[in-house]
Protein backbone atom coordinates (compact mmCIF):
# COMPACT_ATOMS: atom_id res chain seq x y z
CA MET A 1 -93.27 -9.13 8.15
CA LYS A 2 -91.76 -9.78 5.03
CA LYS A 3 -88.15 -12.03 4.30
CA THR A 4 -85.18 -10.08 2.95
CA ILE A 5 -82.13 -11.75 1.76
CA ALA A 6 -78.87 -10.62 0.55
CA LEU A 7 -78.11 -12.91 -2.25
CA ILE A 8 -74.12 -12.43 -3.67
CA LEU A 9 -73.13 -14.01 -6.42
CA ALA A 10 -68.94 -14.94 -6.37
CA ARG A 11 -67.33 -17.01 -8.94
CA GLY A 12 -63.88 -18.11 -8.60
CA GLY A 13 -62.45 -17.31 -11.36
CA SER A 14 -61.58 -13.76 -12.67
CA LYS A 15 -59.46 -12.04 -15.75
CA GLY A 16 -58.02 -8.93 -14.30
CA ILE A 17 -57.57 -9.91 -10.88
CA PRO A 18 -56.95 -13.62 -9.65
CA ASN A 19 -58.46 -15.23 -7.18
CA LYS A 20 -59.82 -11.15 -5.94
CA ASN A 21 -63.04 -12.81 -3.87
CA SER A 22 -60.56 -14.76 -1.78
CA ARG A 23 -57.85 -12.39 -1.43
CA ASN A 24 -57.00 -10.27 1.71
CA PHE A 25 -58.07 -6.72 1.98
CA CYS A 26 -57.20 -5.07 4.95
CA GLY A 27 -57.19 -8.40 7.36
CA ILE A 28 -60.49 -9.90 5.55
CA PRO A 29 -60.81 -11.91 2.54
CA LEU A 30 -62.36 -9.39 0.01
CA ILE A 31 -65.44 -11.55 0.18
CA GLY A 32 -65.80 -11.49 4.09
CA TRP A 33 -66.66 -7.68 4.07
CA SER A 34 -69.75 -7.88 1.83
CA ILE A 35 -71.10 -10.51 3.69
CA LEU A 36 -71.06 -8.47 6.96
CA GLN A 37 -72.12 -6.20 5.95
CA ALA A 38 -74.85 -7.97 4.89
CA LYS A 39 -75.61 -9.23 8.33
CA ASN A 40 -75.23 -6.30 9.68
CA THR A 41 -77.67 -4.93 7.89
CA LYS A 42 -81.56 -4.42 9.90
CA GLY A 43 -84.03 -6.34 8.23
CA ILE A 44 -81.85 -8.61 6.09
CA SER A 45 -82.88 -12.25 8.02
CA ASP A 46 -80.57 -14.27 5.70
CA VAL A 47 -77.38 -13.56 3.58
CA TRP A 48 -76.41 -16.41 0.93
CA LEU A 49 -73.88 -16.33 -1.50
CA SER A 50 -73.84 -18.60 -4.74
CA SER A 51 -69.95 -19.55 -6.89
CA ASP A 52 -67.96 -22.25 -8.09
CA SER A 53 -65.46 -22.10 -6.00
CA LYS A 54 -65.01 -24.43 -2.85
CA LYS A 55 -62.35 -22.08 -1.32
CA ILE A 56 -65.25 -19.03 -1.87
CA LEU A 57 -67.56 -21.35 -0.53
CA LYS A 58 -66.06 -22.21 2.42
CA ILE A 59 -65.14 -18.44 3.50
CA ALA A 60 -68.73 -17.34 2.95
CA GLU A 61 -69.61 -20.39 5.63
CA LYS A 62 -66.91 -18.65 7.78
CA PHE A 63 -68.59 -15.40 7.64
CA GLY A 64 -72.28 -16.89 8.05
CA ALA A 65 -73.36 -16.95 5.16
CA LYS A 66 -75.83 -19.57 3.54
CA THR A 67 -73.96 -21.31 0.16
CA ILE A 68 -75.21 -22.69 -3.05
CA CYS A 69 -72.39 -24.53 -5.07
CA ARG A 70 -73.36 -22.84 -8.98
CA PRO A 71 -72.42 -25.12 -11.79
CA ARG A 72 -69.61 -23.91 -13.70
CA LYS A 73 -71.66 -23.45 -16.88
CA LEU A 74 -73.31 -20.60 -14.50
CA SER A 75 -69.62 -18.96 -14.05
CA THR A 76 -67.43 -18.28 -16.75
CA SER A 77 -66.66 -15.03 -17.89
CA THR A 78 -70.03 -14.72 -20.49
CA ALA A 79 -72.71 -16.64 -18.51
CA ASN A 80 -75.54 -14.46 -17.63
CA GLY A 81 -75.56 -13.33 -14.51
CA ASP A 82 -79.65 -13.36 -14.59
CA ASP A 83 -79.19 -16.97 -14.67
CA ALA A 84 -76.68 -17.71 -11.74
CA TYR A 85 -79.32 -15.86 -9.61
CA LEU A 86 -82.59 -17.84 -10.72
CA HIS A 87 -80.38 -21.08 -9.82
CA ALA A 88 -79.58 -19.24 -6.62
CA LEU A 89 -83.64 -18.19 -5.89
CA ASN A 90 -84.23 -21.58 -6.98
CA PHE A 91 -81.51 -23.45 -4.57
CA ILE A 92 -83.12 -21.11 -2.03
CA GLU A 93 -87.07 -21.88 -2.38
CA LYS A 94 -86.18 -25.80 -2.57
CA ASN A 95 -83.95 -25.63 0.67
CA SER A 96 -85.10 -23.46 2.31
CA CYS A 97 -88.30 -20.60 1.34
CA MET A 98 -88.40 -18.13 -0.98
CA PRO A 99 -88.07 -14.47 -0.21
CA ASP A 100 -89.99 -11.40 -0.34
CA ILE A 101 -87.21 -9.53 -1.58
CA VAL A 102 -83.74 -10.04 -2.59
CA ILE A 103 -81.09 -7.50 -2.31
CA ALA A 104 -77.96 -8.93 -4.91
CA LEU A 105 -75.09 -7.75 -3.43
CA GLN A 106 -71.57 -7.13 -5.80
CA ALA A 107 -69.26 -9.52 -4.16
CA THR A 108 -66.24 -6.72 -5.31
CA SER A 109 -67.95 -3.33 -3.68
CA PRO A 110 -69.15 -3.82 -0.12
């Protein structure tokens, strides 16, 4: 059976809505909704979240995601998302195992 993971990138900075990923939305932090949806999806074995924010990483752990502390240089508004995904996949490969399938979820669109 193929190993499928969900990978969520959620940086701490936001120009439009400050701290949007950790803000409460219907009783749950916004990032919590994406994690919950991934955890409740049949076939996804692990949910990983990459962030530069300690607050977001703590929320992710509370909701059952495995976490990756992303370097600030990969978390700016001008940073290339592909580089952040590659950083996360390298971390997962070194600390767990390389998945067969990666589902990239948007942090703000659960």
